[in-house]
Amino acid sequence: LVVTIVFFSCNKDEDTAILQSNPVIGTWKLVEEYSNNQLVTL
């Protein structure tokens, strides 16, 4: 049980470290667009 908990905790720490070092990782959707600082209707 202790080894299993430590193993999964390490994996979670690695995932968190990757996200912290590379904040772009993930899924992103377009929500706004501007043209010369004027909001464009999407």
PDB file of all heavy atoms in Angstrom:
ATOM      1  N   LEU A   1       0.827  -1.205   0.000  1.00  0.00           N
ATOM      2  CA  LEU A   1       0.000   0.000   0.000  1.00  0.00           C
ATOM      3  C   LEU A   1       0.862   1.256   0.000  1.00  0.00           C
ATOM      4  O   LEU A   1       0.618   2.194  -0.763  1.00  0.00           O
ATOM      5  CB  LEU A   1      -0.942  -0.010   1.217  1.00  0.00           C
ATOM      6  CG  LEU A   1      -1.882   1.177   1.346  1.00  0.00           C
ATOM      7  CD1 LEU A   1      -2.838   1.233   0.174  1.00  0.00           C
ATOM      8  CD2 LEU A   1      -2.639   1.093   2.654  1.00  0.00           C
ATOM      9  N   VAL A   2       1.909   1.288   0.819  1.00  0.00           N
ATOM     10  CA  VAL A   2       2.791   2.445   0.899  1.00  0.00           C
ATOM     11  C   VAL A   2       3.513   2.656  -0.433  1.00  0.00           C
ATOM     12  O   VAL A   2       3.591   3.775  -0.944  1.00  0.00           O
ATOM     13  CB  VAL A   2       3.801   2.290   2.061  1.00  0.00           C
ATOM     14  CG1 VAL A   2       4.902   3.341   1.978  1.00  0.00           C
ATOM     15  CG2 VAL A   2       3.083   2.362   3.394  1.00  0.00           C
ATOM     16  N   VAL A   3       4.019   1.598  -1.030  1.00  0.00           N
ATOM     17  CA  VAL A   3       4.718   1.705  -2.307  1.00  0.00           C
ATOM     18  C   VAL A   3       3.764   2.207  -3.389  1.00  0.00           C
ATOM     19  O   VAL A   3       4.120   3.061  -4.208  1.00  0.00           O
ATOM     20  CB  VAL A   3       5.362   0.347  -2.700  1.00  0.00           C
ATOM     21  CG1 VAL A   3       5.843   0.372  -4.135  1.00  0.00           C
ATOM     22  CG2 VAL A   3       6.499   0.016  -1.754  1.00  0.00           C
ATOM     23  N   THR A   4       2.544   1.713  -3.401  1.00  0.00           N
ATOM     24  CA  THR A   4       1.556   2.142  -4.390  1.00  0.00           C
ATOM     25  C   THR A   4       1.250   3.621  -4.241  1.00  0.00           C
ATOM     26  O   THR A   4       1.218   4.367  -5.225  1.00  0.00           O
ATOM     27  CB  THR A   4       0.257   1.308  -4.248  1.00  0.00           C
ATOM     28  OG1 THR A   4       0.584  -0.072  -4.406  1.00  0.00           O
ATOM     29  CG2 THR A   4      -0.771   1.717  -5.280  1.00  0.00           C
ATOM     30  N   ILE A   5       1.060   4.087  -3.027  1.00  0.00           N
ATOM     31  CA  ILE A   5       0.769   5.500  -2.787  1.00  0.00           C
ATOM     32  C   ILE A   5       1.937   6.369  -3.231  1.00  0.00           C
ATOM     33  O   ILE A   5       1.757   7.388  -3.895  1.00  0.00           O
ATOM     34  CB  ILE A   5       0.427   5.736  -1.298  1.00  0.00           C
ATOM     35  CG1 ILE A   5      -0.931   5.113  -0.973  1.00  0.00           C
ATOM     36  CG2 ILE A   5       0.438   7.220  -0.958  1.00  0.00           C
ATOM     37  CD1 ILE A   5      -1.268   5.090   0.504  1.00  0.00           C
ATOM     38  N   VAL A   6       3.150   5.974  -2.888  1.00  0.00           N
ATOM     39  CA  VAL A   6       4.334   6.744  -3.276  1.00  0.00           C
ATOM     40  C   VAL A   6       4.459   6.779  -4.793  1.00  0.00           C
ATOM     41  O   VAL A   6       4.738   7.822  -5.387  1.00  0.00           O
ATOM     42  CB  VAL A   6       5.607   6.164  -2.617  1.00  0.00           C
ATOM     43  CG1 VAL A   6       6.864   6.770  -3.230  1.00  0.00           C
ATOM     44  CG2 VAL A   6       5.572   6.379  -1.116  1.00  0.00           C
ATOM     45  N   PHE A   7       4.235   5.649  -5.463  1.00  0.00           N
ATOM     46  CA  PHE A   7       4.346   5.569  -6.919  1.00  0.00           C
ATOM     47  C   PHE A   7       3.370   6.536  -7.585  1.00  0.00           C
ATOM     48  O   PHE A   7       3.743   7.311  -8.455  1.00  0.00           O
ATOM     49  CB  PHE A   7       4.106   4.132  -7.397  1.00  0.00           C
ATOM     50  CG  PHE A   7       4.114   4.000  -8.888  1.00  0.00           C
ATOM     51  CD1 PHE A   7       5.300   4.028  -9.600  1.00  0.00           C
ATOM     52  CD2 PHE A   7       2.921   3.861  -9.588  1.00  0.00           C
ATOM     53  CE1 PHE A   7       5.307   3.912 -10.974  1.00  0.00           C
ATOM     54  CE2 PHE A   7       2.916   3.746 -10.962  1.00  0.00           C
ATOM     55  CZ  PHE A   7       4.116   3.772 -11.654  1.00  0.00           C
ATOM     56  N   PHE A   8       2.107   6.503  -7.202  1.00  0.00           N
ATOM     57  CA  PHE A   8       1.115   7.370  -7.826  1.00  0.00           C
ATOM     58  C   PHE A   8       1.334   8.829  -7.459  1.00  0.00           C
ATOM     59  O   PHE A   8       1.072   9.715  -8.259  1.00  0.00           O
ATOM     60  CB  PHE A   8      -0.316   6.915  -7.488  1.00  0.00           C
ATOM     61  CG  PHE A   8      -0.726   5.705  -8.276  1.00  0.00           C
ATOM     62  CD1 PHE A   8      -0.861   4.475  -7.660  1.00  0.00           C
ATOM     63  CD2 PHE A   8      -0.953   5.795  -9.636  1.00  0.00           C
ATOM     64  CE1 PHE A   8      -1.230   3.357  -8.386  1.00  0.00           C
ATOM     65  CE2 PHE A   8      -1.317   4.684 -10.373  1.00  0.00           C
ATOM     66  CZ  PHE A   8      -1.458   3.463  -9.745  1.00  0.00           C
ATOM     67  N   SER A   9       1.824   9.106  -6.295  1.00  0.00           N
ATOM     68  CA  SER A   9       2.134  10.482  -5.912  1.00  0.00           C
ATOM     69  C   SER A   9       3.255  11.033  -6.778  1.00  0.00           C
ATOM     70  O   SER A   9       3.209  12.183  -7.211  1.00  0.00           O
ATOM     71  CB  SER A   9       2.541  10.554  -4.436  1.00  0.00           C
ATOM     72  OG  SER A   9       1.460  10.203  -3.616  1.00  0.00           O
ATOM     73  N   CYS A  10       4.251  10.233  -7.071  1.00  0.00           N
ATOM     74  CA  CYS A  10       5.360  10.677  -7.918  1.00  0.00           C
ATOM     75  C   CYS A  10       4.865  10.978  -9.322  1.00  0.00           C
ATOM     76  O   CYS A  10       5.266  11.955  -9.930  1.00  0.00           O
ATOM     77  CB  CYS A  10       6.467   9.632  -7.974  1.00  0.00           C
ATOM     78  SG  CYS A  10       7.375   9.494  -6.411  1.00  0.00           S
ATOM     79  N   ASN A  11       4.008  10.115  -9.879  1.00  0.00           N
ATOM     80  CA  ASN A  11       3.475  10.354 -11.217  1.00  0.00           C
ATOM     81  C   ASN A  11       2.705  11.662 -11.266  1.00  0.00           C
ATOM     82  O   ASN A  11       2.813  12.424 -12.214  1.00  0.00           O
ATOM     83  CB  ASN A  11       2.578   9.201 -11.668  1.00  0.00           C
ATOM     84  CG  ASN A  11       3.390   8.001 -12.088  1.00  0.00           C
ATOM     85  OD1 ASN A  11       4.577   8.112 -12.345  1.00  0.00           O
ATOM     86  ND2 ASN A  11       2.744   6.847 -12.161  1.00  0.00           N
ATOM     87  N   LYS A  12       1.910  11.944 -10.248  1.00  0.00           N
ATOM     88  CA  LYS A  12       1.141  13.173 -10.213  1.00  0.00           C
ATOM     89  C   LYS A  12       2.079  14.370 -10.131  1.00  0.00           C
ATOM     90  O   LYS A  12       1.863  15.385 -10.781  1.00  0.00           O
ATOM     91  CB  LYS A  12       0.171  13.157  -9.034  1.00  0.00           C
ATOM     92  CG  LYS A  12      -0.786  14.304  -9.037  1.00  0.00           C
ATOM     93  CD  LYS A  12      -1.828  14.155  -7.944  1.00  0.00           C
ATOM     94  CE  LYS A  12      -2.832  15.286  -8.031  1.00  0.00           C
ATOM     95  NZ  LYS A  12      -3.878  15.174  -7.045  1.00  0.00           N
ATOM     96  N   ASP A  13       3.147  14.258  -9.341  1.00  0.00           N
ATOM     97  CA  ASP A  13       4.122  15.338  -9.236  1.00  0.00           C
ATOM     98  C   ASP A  13       4.791  15.594 -10.579  1.00  0.00           C
ATOM     99  O   ASP A  13       5.026  16.742 -10.948  1.00  0.00           O
ATOM    100  CB  ASP A  13       5.180  15.027  -8.180  1.00  0.00           C
ATOM    101  CG  ASP A  13       4.618  15.051  -6.762  1.00  0.00           C
ATOM    102  OD1 ASP A  13       3.520  15.619  -6.565  1.00  0.00           O
ATOM    103  OD2 ASP A  13       5.274  14.486  -5.863  1.00  0.00           O
ATOM    104  N   GLU A  14       5.104  14.536 -11.326  1.00  0.00           N
ATOM    105  CA  GLU A  14       5.712  14.696 -12.641  1.00  0.00           C
ATOM    106  C   GLU A  14       4.761  15.421 -13.583  1.00  0.00           C
ATOM    107  O   GLU A  14       5.166  16.306 -14.331  1.00  0.00           O
ATOM    108  CB  GLU A  14       6.092  13.335 -13.228  1.00  0.00           C
ATOM    109  CG  GLU A  14       7.288  12.685 -12.568  1.00  0.00           C
ATOM    110  CD  GLU A  14       7.540  11.284 -13.090  1.00  0.00           C
ATOM    111  OE1 GLU A  14       6.958  10.904 -14.119  1.00  0.00           O
ATOM    112  OE2 GLU A  14       8.335  10.562 -12.464  1.00  0.00           O
ATOM    113  N   ASP A  15       3.458  15.050 -13.583  1.00  0.00           N
ATOM    114  CA  ASP A  15       2.478  15.716 -14.432  1.00  0.00           C
ATOM    115  C   ASP A  15       2.373  17.186 -14.079  1.00  0.00           C
ATOM    116  O   ASP A  15       2.323  18.050 -14.951  1.00  0.00           O
ATOM    117  CB  ASP A  15       1.096  15.056 -14.297  1.00  0.00           C
ATOM    118  CG  ASP A  15       1.070  13.641 -14.861  1.00  0.00           C
ATOM    119  OD1 ASP A  15       1.997  13.298 -15.625  1.00  0.00           O
ATOM    120  OD2 ASP A  15       0.131  12.898 -14.531  1.00  0.00           O
ATOM    121  N   THR A  16       2.353  17.497 -12.793  1.00  0.00           N
ATOM    122  CA  THR A  16       2.275  18.882 -12.344  1.00  0.00           C
ATOM    123  C   THR A  16       3.518  19.647 -12.770  1.00  0.00           C
ATOM    124  O   THR A  16       3.422  20.790 -13.229  1.00  0.00           O
ATOM    125  CB  THR A  16       2.110  18.943 -10.812  1.00  0.00           C
ATOM    126  OG1 THR A  16       0.928  18.218 -10.460  1.00  0.00           O
ATOM    127  CG2 THR A  16       1.995  20.367 -10.321  1.00  0.00           C
ATOM    128  N   ALA A  17       4.677  19.024 -12.666  1.00  0.00           N
ATOM    129  CA  ALA A  17       5.928  19.677 -13.065  1.00  0.00           C
ATOM    130  C   ALA A  17       5.934  19.986 -14.554  1.00  0.00           C
ATOM    131  O   ALA A  17       6.386  21.060 -14.972  1.00  0.00           O
ATOM    132  CB  ALA A  17       7.127  18.809 -12.696  1.00  0.00           C
ATOM    133  N   ILE A  18       5.420  19.064 -15.373  1.00  0.00           N
ATOM    134  CA  ILE A  18       5.368  19.300 -16.822  1.00  0.00           C
ATOM    135  C   ILE A  18       4.481  20.500 -17.112  1.00  0.00           C
ATOM    136  O   ILE A  18       4.840  21.380 -17.886  1.00  0.00           O
ATOM    137  CB  ILE A  18       4.866  18.042 -17.563  1.00  0.00           C
ATOM    138  CG1 ILE A  18       5.937  16.957 -17.533  1.00  0.00           C
ATOM    139  CG2 ILE A  18       4.488  18.364 -19.000  1.00  0.00           C
ATOM    140  CD1 ILE A  18       5.473  15.607 -18.012  1.00  0.00           C
ATOM    141  N   LEU A  19       3.297  20.559 -16.483  1.00  0.00           N
ATOM    142  CA  LEU A  19       2.388  21.672 -16.722  1.00  0.00           C
ATOM    143  C   LEU A  19       2.986  22.987 -16.241  1.00  0.00           C
ATOM    144  O   LEU A  19       2.820  24.015 -16.877  1.00  0.00           O
ATOM    145  CB  LEU A  19       1.042  21.416 -16.045  1.00  0.00           C
ATOM    146  CG  LEU A  19       0.179  20.338 -16.702  1.00  0.00           C
ATOM    147  CD1 LEU A  19      -1.076  20.096 -15.881  1.00  0.00           C
ATOM    148  CD2 LEU A  19      -0.193  20.722 -18.126  1.00  0.00           C
ATOM    149  N   GLN A  20       3.686  22.961 -15.108  1.00  0.00           N
ATOM    150  CA  GLN A  20       4.277  24.191 -14.601  1.00  0.00           C
ATOM    151  C   GLN A  20       5.405  24.674 -15.497  1.00  0.00           C
ATOM    152  O   GLN A  20       5.577  25.863 -15.690  1.00  0.00           O
ATOM    153  CB  GLN A  20       4.780  23.980 -13.168  1.00  0.00           C
ATOM    154  CG  GLN A  20       3.657  23.869 -12.169  1.00  0.00           C
ATOM    155  CD  GLN A  20       4.160  23.521 -10.772  1.00  0.00           C
ATOM    156  OE1 GLN A  20       5.303  23.136 -10.587  1.00  0.00           O
ATOM    157  NE2 GLN A  20       3.273  23.633  -9.799  1.00  0.00           N
ATOM    158  N   SER A  21       6.183  23.767 -16.048  1.00  0.00           N
ATOM    159  CA  SER A  21       7.285  24.184 -16.902  1.00  0.00           C
ATOM    160  C   SER A  21       6.829  24.502 -18.321  1.00  0.00           C
ATOM    161  O   SER A  21       7.519  25.196 -19.050  1.00  0.00           O
ATOM    162  CB  SER A  21       8.373  23.111 -16.929  1.00  0.00           C
ATOM    163  OG  SER A  21       7.894  21.947 -17.555  1.00  0.00           O
ATOM    164  N   ASN A  22       5.672  24.003 -18.729  1.00  0.00           N
ATOM    165  CA  ASN A  22       5.137  24.241 -20.061  1.00  0.00           C
ATOM    166  C   ASN A  22       3.650  24.607 -19.957  1.00  0.00           C
ATOM    167  O   ASN A  22       2.794  23.756 -20.153  1.00  0.00           O
ATOM    168  CB  ASN A  22       5.299  22.989 -20.931  1.00  0.00           C
ATOM    169  CG  ASN A  22       6.742  22.628 -21.130  1.00  0.00           C
ATOM    170  OD1 ASN A  22       7.505  23.404 -21.680  1.00  0.00           O
ATOM    171  ND2 ASN A  22       7.131  21.464 -20.663  1.00  0.00           N
ATOM    172  N   PRO A  23       3.352  25.851 -19.642  1.00  0.00           N
ATOM    173  CA  PRO A  23       1.955  26.216 -19.424  1.00  0.00           C
ATOM    174  C   PRO A  23       1.074  26.090 -20.657  1.00  0.00           C
ATOM    175  O   PRO A  23      -0.145  26.102 -20.541  1.00  0.00           O
ATOM    176  CB  PRO A  23       2.041  27.677 -18.959  1.00  0.00           C
ATOM    177  CG  PRO A  23       3.342  28.170 -19.485  1.00  0.00           C
ATOM    178  CD  PRO A  23       4.248  26.976 -19.482  1.00  0.00           C
ATOM    179  N   VAL A  24       1.668  25.917 -21.833  1.00  0.00           N
ATOM    180  CA  VAL A  24       0.862  25.801 -23.046  1.00  0.00           C
ATOM    181  C   VAL A  24       0.205  24.428 -23.162  1.00  0.00           C
ATOM    182  O   VAL A  24      -0.772  24.269 -23.894  1.00  0.00           O
ATOM    183  CB  VAL A  24       1.721  26.121 -24.299  1.00  0.00           C
ATOM    184  CG1 VAL A  24       2.624  24.940 -24.662  1.00  0.00           C
ATOM    185  CG2 VAL A  24       0.849  26.528 -25.467  1.00  0.00           C
ATOM    186  N   ILE A  25       0.704  23.437 -22.435  1.00  0.00           N
ATOM    187  CA  ILE A  25       0.156  22.080 -22.536  1.00  0.00           C
ATOM    188  C   ILE A  25      -1.305  22.087 -22.100  1.00  0.00           C
ATOM    189  O   ILE A  25      -1.648  22.597 -21.038  1.00  0.00           O
ATOM    190  CB  ILE A  25       0.974  21.083 -21.702  1.00  0.00           C
ATOM    191  CG1 ILE A  25       2.363  20.914 -22.323  1.00  0.00           C
ATOM    192  CG2 ILE A  25       0.268  19.736 -21.615  1.00  0.00           C
ATOM    193  CD1 ILE A  25       3.300  20.039 -21.523  1.00  0.00           C
ATOM    194  N   GLY A  26      -2.154  21.544 -22.963  1.00  0.00           N
ATOM    195  CA  GLY A  26      -3.581  21.474 -22.666  1.00  0.00           C
ATOM    196  C   GLY A  26      -4.395  21.706 -23.922  1.00  0.00           C
ATOM    197  O   GLY A  26      -3.873  21.785 -25.033  1.00  0.00           O
ATOM    198  N   THR A  27      -5.699  21.822 -23.734  1.00  0.00           N
ATOM    199  CA  THR A  27      -6.634  22.077 -24.826  1.00  0.00           C
ATOM    200  C   THR A  27      -7.149  23.505 -24.676  1.00  0.00           C
ATOM    201  O   THR A  27      -7.577  23.911 -23.603  1.00  0.00           O
ATOM    202  CB  THR A  27      -7.800  21.079 -24.778  1.00  0.00           C
ATOM    203  OG1 THR A  27      -7.269  19.753 -24.900  1.00  0.00           O
ATOM    204  CG2 THR A  27      -8.794  21.321 -25.898  1.00  0.00           C
ATOM    205  N   TRP A  28      -7.112  24.247 -25.785  1.00  0.00           N
ATOM    206  CA  TRP A  28      -7.455  25.664 -25.785  1.00  0.00           C
ATOM    207  C   TRP A  28      -8.456  25.962 -26.895  1.00  0.00           C
ATOM    208  O   TRP A  28      -8.276  25.509 -28.015  1.00  0.00           O
ATOM    209  CB  TRP A  28      -6.206  26.509 -26.020  1.00  0.00           C
ATOM    210  CG  TRP A  28      -5.091  26.257 -25.057  1.00  0.00           C
ATOM    211  CD1 TRP A  28      -4.150  25.257 -25.128  1.00  0.00           C
ATOM    212  CD2 TRP A  28      -4.808  26.987 -23.869  1.00  0.00           C
ATOM    213  NE1 TRP A  28      -3.299  25.347 -24.063  1.00  0.00           N
ATOM    214  CE2 TRP A  28      -3.674  26.397 -23.265  1.00  0.00           C
ATOM    215  CE3 TRP A  28      -5.391  28.087 -23.260  1.00  0.00           C
ATOM    216  CZ2 TRP A  28      -3.124  26.880 -22.089  1.00  0.00           C
ATOM    217  CZ3 TRP A  28      -4.843  28.570 -22.083  1.00  0.00           C
ATOM    218  CH2 TRP A  28      -3.718  27.969 -21.516  1.00  0.00           C
ATOM    219  N   LYS A  29      -9.494  26.730 -26.586  1.00  0.00           N
ATOM    220  CA  LYS A  29     -10.485  27.126 -27.597  1.00  0.00           C
ATOM    221  C   LYS A  29     -10.473  28.639 -27.768  1.00  0.00           C
ATOM    222  O   LYS A  29     -10.318  29.390 -26.809  1.00  0.00           O
ATOM    223  CB  LYS A  29     -11.884  26.683 -27.195  1.00  0.00           C
ATOM    224  CG  LYS A  29     -12.105  25.193 -27.386  1.00  0.00           C
ATOM    225  CD  LYS A  29     -13.571  24.899 -27.672  1.00  0.00           C
ATOM    226  CE  LYS A  29     -13.760  23.413 -27.812  1.00  0.00           C
ATOM    227  NZ  LYS A  29     -13.949  23.000 -29.146  1.00  0.00           N
ATOM    228  N   LEU A  30     -10.681  29.065 -29.018  1.00  0.00           N
ATOM    229  CA  LEU A  30     -10.767  30.486 -29.333  1.00  0.00           C
ATOM    230  C   LEU A  30     -11.994  31.076 -28.641  1.00  0.00           C
ATOM    231  O   LEU A  30     -13.097  30.530 -28.740  1.00  0.00           O
ATOM    232  CB  LEU A  30     -10.881  30.682 -30.845  1.00  0.00           C
ATOM    233  CG  LEU A  30     -10.964  32.124 -31.344  1.00  0.00           C
ATOM    234  CD1 LEU A  30      -9.649  32.856 -31.098  1.00  0.00           C
ATOM    235  CD2 LEU A  30     -11.301  32.145 -32.830  1.00  0.00           C
ATOM    236  N   VAL A  31     -11.812  32.186 -27.924  1.00  0.00           N
ATOM    237  CA  VAL A  31     -12.938  32.837 -27.255  1.00  0.00           C
ATOM    238  C   VAL A  31     -13.121  34.282 -27.709  1.00  0.00           C
ATOM    239  O   VAL A  31     -14.227  34.816 -27.606  1.00  0.00           O
ATOM    240  CB  VAL A  31     -12.823  32.778 -25.710  1.00  0.00           C
ATOM    241  CG1 VAL A  31     -12.992  31.353 -25.213  1.00  0.00           C
ATOM    242  CG2 VAL A  31     -11.521  33.372 -25.214  1.00  0.00           C
ATOM    243  N   GLU A  32     -12.073  34.930 -28.192  1.00  0.00           N
ATOM    244  CA  GLU A  32     -12.173  36.318 -28.639  1.00  0.00           C
ATOM    245  C   GLU A  32     -11.172  36.569 -29.756  1.00  0.00           C
ATOM    246  O   GLU A  32     -10.124  35.926 -29.826  1.00  0.00           O
ATOM    247  CB  GLU A  32     -11.859  37.294 -27.494  1.00  0.00           C
ATOM    248  CG  GLU A  32     -12.845  37.283 -26.371  1.00  0.00           C
ATOM    249  CD  GLU A  32     -12.415  38.172 -25.210  1.00  0.00           C
ATOM    250  OE1 GLU A  32     -11.201  38.468 -25.077  1.00  0.00           O
ATOM    251  OE2 GLU A  32     -13.286  38.559 -24.428  1.00  0.00           O
ATOM    252  N   GLU A  33     -11.522  37.539 -30.587  1.00  0.00           N
ATOM    253  CA  GLU A  33     -10.615  38.008 -31.623  1.00  0.00           C
ATOM    254  C   GLU A  33     -10.756  39.516 -31.706  1.00  0.00           C
ATOM    255  O   GLU A  33     -11.854  40.056 -31.583  1.00  0.00           O
ATOM    256  CB  GLU A  33     -10.962  37.373 -32.969  1.00  0.00           C
ATOM    257  CG  GLU A  33     -10.098  37.864 -34.098  1.00  0.00           C
ATOM    258  CD  GLU A  33     -10.506  37.307 -35.437  1.00  0.00           C
ATOM    259  OE1 GLU A  33     -10.990  36.168 -35.485  1.00  0.00           O
ATOM    260  OE2 GLU A  33     -10.332  38.019 -36.432  1.00  0.00           O
ATOM    261  N   TYR A  34      -9.612  40.181 -31.920  1.00  0.00           N
ATOM    262  CA  TYR A  34      -9.605  41.636 -32.055  1.00  0.00           C
ATOM    263  C   TYR A  34      -8.897  41.997 -33.344  1.00  0.00           C
ATOM    264  O   TYR A  34      -7.959  41.334 -33.761  1.00  0.00           O
ATOM    265  CB  TYR A  34      -8.867  42.283 -30.882  1.00  0.00           C
ATOM    266  CG  TYR A  34      -9.545  42.060 -29.553  1.00  0.00           C
ATOM    267  CD1 TYR A  34      -9.305  40.898 -28.814  1.00  0.00           C
ATOM    268  CD2 TYR A  34     -10.440  42.999 -29.049  1.00  0.00           C
ATOM    269  CE1 TYR A  34      -9.941  40.682 -27.600  1.00  0.00           C
ATOM    270  CE2 TYR A  34     -11.074  42.778 -27.830  1.00  0.00           C
ATOM    271  CZ  TYR A  34     -10.817  41.632 -27.123  1.00  0.00           C
ATOM    272  OH  TYR A  34     -11.452  41.417 -25.924  1.00  0.00           O
ATOM    273  N   SER A  35      -9.354  43.084 -33.959  1.00  0.00           N
ATOM    274  CA  SER A  35      -8.703  43.646 -35.128  1.00  0.00           C
ATOM    275  C   SER A  35      -8.416  45.103 -34.804  1.00  0.00           C
ATOM    276  O   SER A  35      -9.347  45.895 -34.606  1.00  0.00           O
ATOM    277  CB  SER A  35      -9.618  43.530 -36.347  1.00  0.00           C
ATOM    278  OG  SER A  35      -8.986  44.055 -37.480  1.00  0.00           O
ATOM    279  N   ASN A  36      -7.128  45.460 -34.712  1.00  0.00           N
ATOM    280  CA  ASN A  36      -6.723  46.795 -34.260  1.00  0.00           C
ATOM    281  C   ASN A  36      -7.448  47.178 -32.970  1.00  0.00           C
ATOM    282  O   ASN A  36      -8.038  48.252 -32.861  1.00  0.00           O
ATOM    283  CB  ASN A  36      -6.939  47.841 -35.350  1.00  0.00           C
ATOM    284  CG  ASN A  36      -5.883  47.784 -36.420  1.00  0.00           C
ATOM    285  OD1 ASN A  36      -4.844  47.151 -36.256  1.00  0.00           O
ATOM    286  ND2 ASN A  36      -6.144  48.411 -37.539  1.00  0.00           N
ATOM    287  N   ASN A  37      -7.430  46.270 -32.003  1.00  0.00           N
ATOM    288  CA  ASN A  37      -8.024  46.458 -30.680  1.00  0.00           C
ATOM    289  C   ASN A  37      -9.543  46.579 -30.673  1.00  0.00           C
ATOM    290  O   ASN A  37     -10.131  46.910 -29.653  1.00  0.00           O
ATOM    291  CB  ASN A  37      -7.400  47.655 -29.949  1.00  0.00           C
ATOM    292  CG  ASN A  37      -5.954  47.405 -29.612  1.00  0.00           C
ATOM    293  OD1 ASN A  37      -5.572  46.310 -29.225  1.00  0.00           O
ATOM    294  ND2 ASN A  37      -5.131  48.426 -29.786  1.00  0.00           N
ATOM    295  N   GLN A  38     -10.206  46.301 -31.796  1.00  0.00           N
ATOM    296  CA  GLN A  38     -11.661  46.306 -31.866  1.00  0.00           C
ATOM    297  C   GLN A  38     -12.140  44.861 -31.862  1.00  0.00           C
ATOM    298  O   GLN A  38     -11.680  44.044 -32.671  1.00  0.00           O
ATOM    299  CB  GLN A  38     -12.160  47.006 -33.144  1.00  0.00           C
ATOM    300  CG  GLN A  38     -11.771  48.475 -33.219  1.00  0.00           C
ATOM    301  CD  GLN A  38     -12.492  49.305 -32.179  1.00  0.00           C
ATOM    302  OE1 GLN A  38     -13.699  49.200 -31.995  1.00  0.00           O
ATOM    303  NE2 GLN A  38     -11.735  50.131 -31.470  1.00  0.00           N
ATOM    304  N   LEU A  39     -13.080  44.538 -30.953  1.00  0.00           N
ATOM    305  CA  LEU A  39     -13.596  43.181 -30.838  1.00  0.00           C
ATOM    306  C   LEU A  39     -14.300  42.772 -32.121  1.00  0.00           C
ATOM    307  O   LEU A  39     -15.114  43.527 -32.671  1.00  0.00           O
ATOM    308  CB  LEU A  39     -14.561  43.089 -29.650  1.00  0.00           C
ATOM    309  CG  LEU A  39     -15.107  41.711 -29.317  1.00  0.00           C
ATOM    310  CD1 LEU A  39     -13.983  40.772 -28.889  1.00  0.00           C
ATOM    311  CD2 LEU A  39     -16.155  41.811 -28.208  1.00  0.00           C
ATOM    312  N   VAL A  40     -13.984  41.578 -32.614  1.00  0.00           N
ATOM    313  CA  VAL A  40     -14.609  41.021 -33.809  1.00  0.00           C
ATOM    314  C   VAL A  40     -15.692  40.041 -33.362  1.00  0.00           C
ATOM    315  O   VAL A  40     -15.467  39.253 -32.445  1.00  0.00           O
ATOM    316  CB  VAL A  40     -13.554  40.286 -34.679  1.00  0.00           C
ATOM    317  CG1 VAL A  40     -14.197  39.577 -35.854  1.00  0.00           C
ATOM    318  CG2 VAL A  40     -12.478  41.251 -35.141  1.00  0.00           C
ATOM    319  N   THR A  41     -16.856  40.088 -34.000  1.00  0.00           N
ATOM    320  CA  THR A  41     -17.933  39.158 -33.670  1.00  0.00           C
ATOM    321  C   THR A  41     -17.625  37.811 -34.295  1.00  0.00           C
ATOM    322  O   THR A  41     -17.396  37.714 -35.505  1.00  0.00           O
ATOM    323  CB  THR A  41     -19.287  39.680 -34.202  1.00  0.00           C
ATOM    324  OG1 THR A  41     -19.513  40.964 -33.645  1.00  0.00           O
ATOM    325  CG2 THR A  41     -20.414  38.744 -33.817  1.00  0.00           C
ATOM    326  N   LEU A  42     -17.626  36.761 -33.475  1.00  0.00           N
ATOM    327  CA  LEU A  42     -17.335  35.412 -33.936  1.00  0.00           C
ATOM    328  C   LEU A  42     -18.619  34.587 -33.945  1.00  0.00           C
ATOM    329  O   LEU A  42     -19.469  34.757 -33.077  1.00  0.00           O
ATOM    330  CB  LEU A  42     -16.313  34.739 -33.013  1.00  0.00           C
ATOM    331  CG  LEU A  42     -14.981  35.460 -32.844  1.00  0.00           C
ATOM    332  CD1 LEU A  42     -14.118  34.748 -31.817  1.00  0.00           C
ATOM    333  CD2 LEU A  42     -14.267  35.562 -34.169  1.00  0.00           C
TER     334      LEU A  42
END
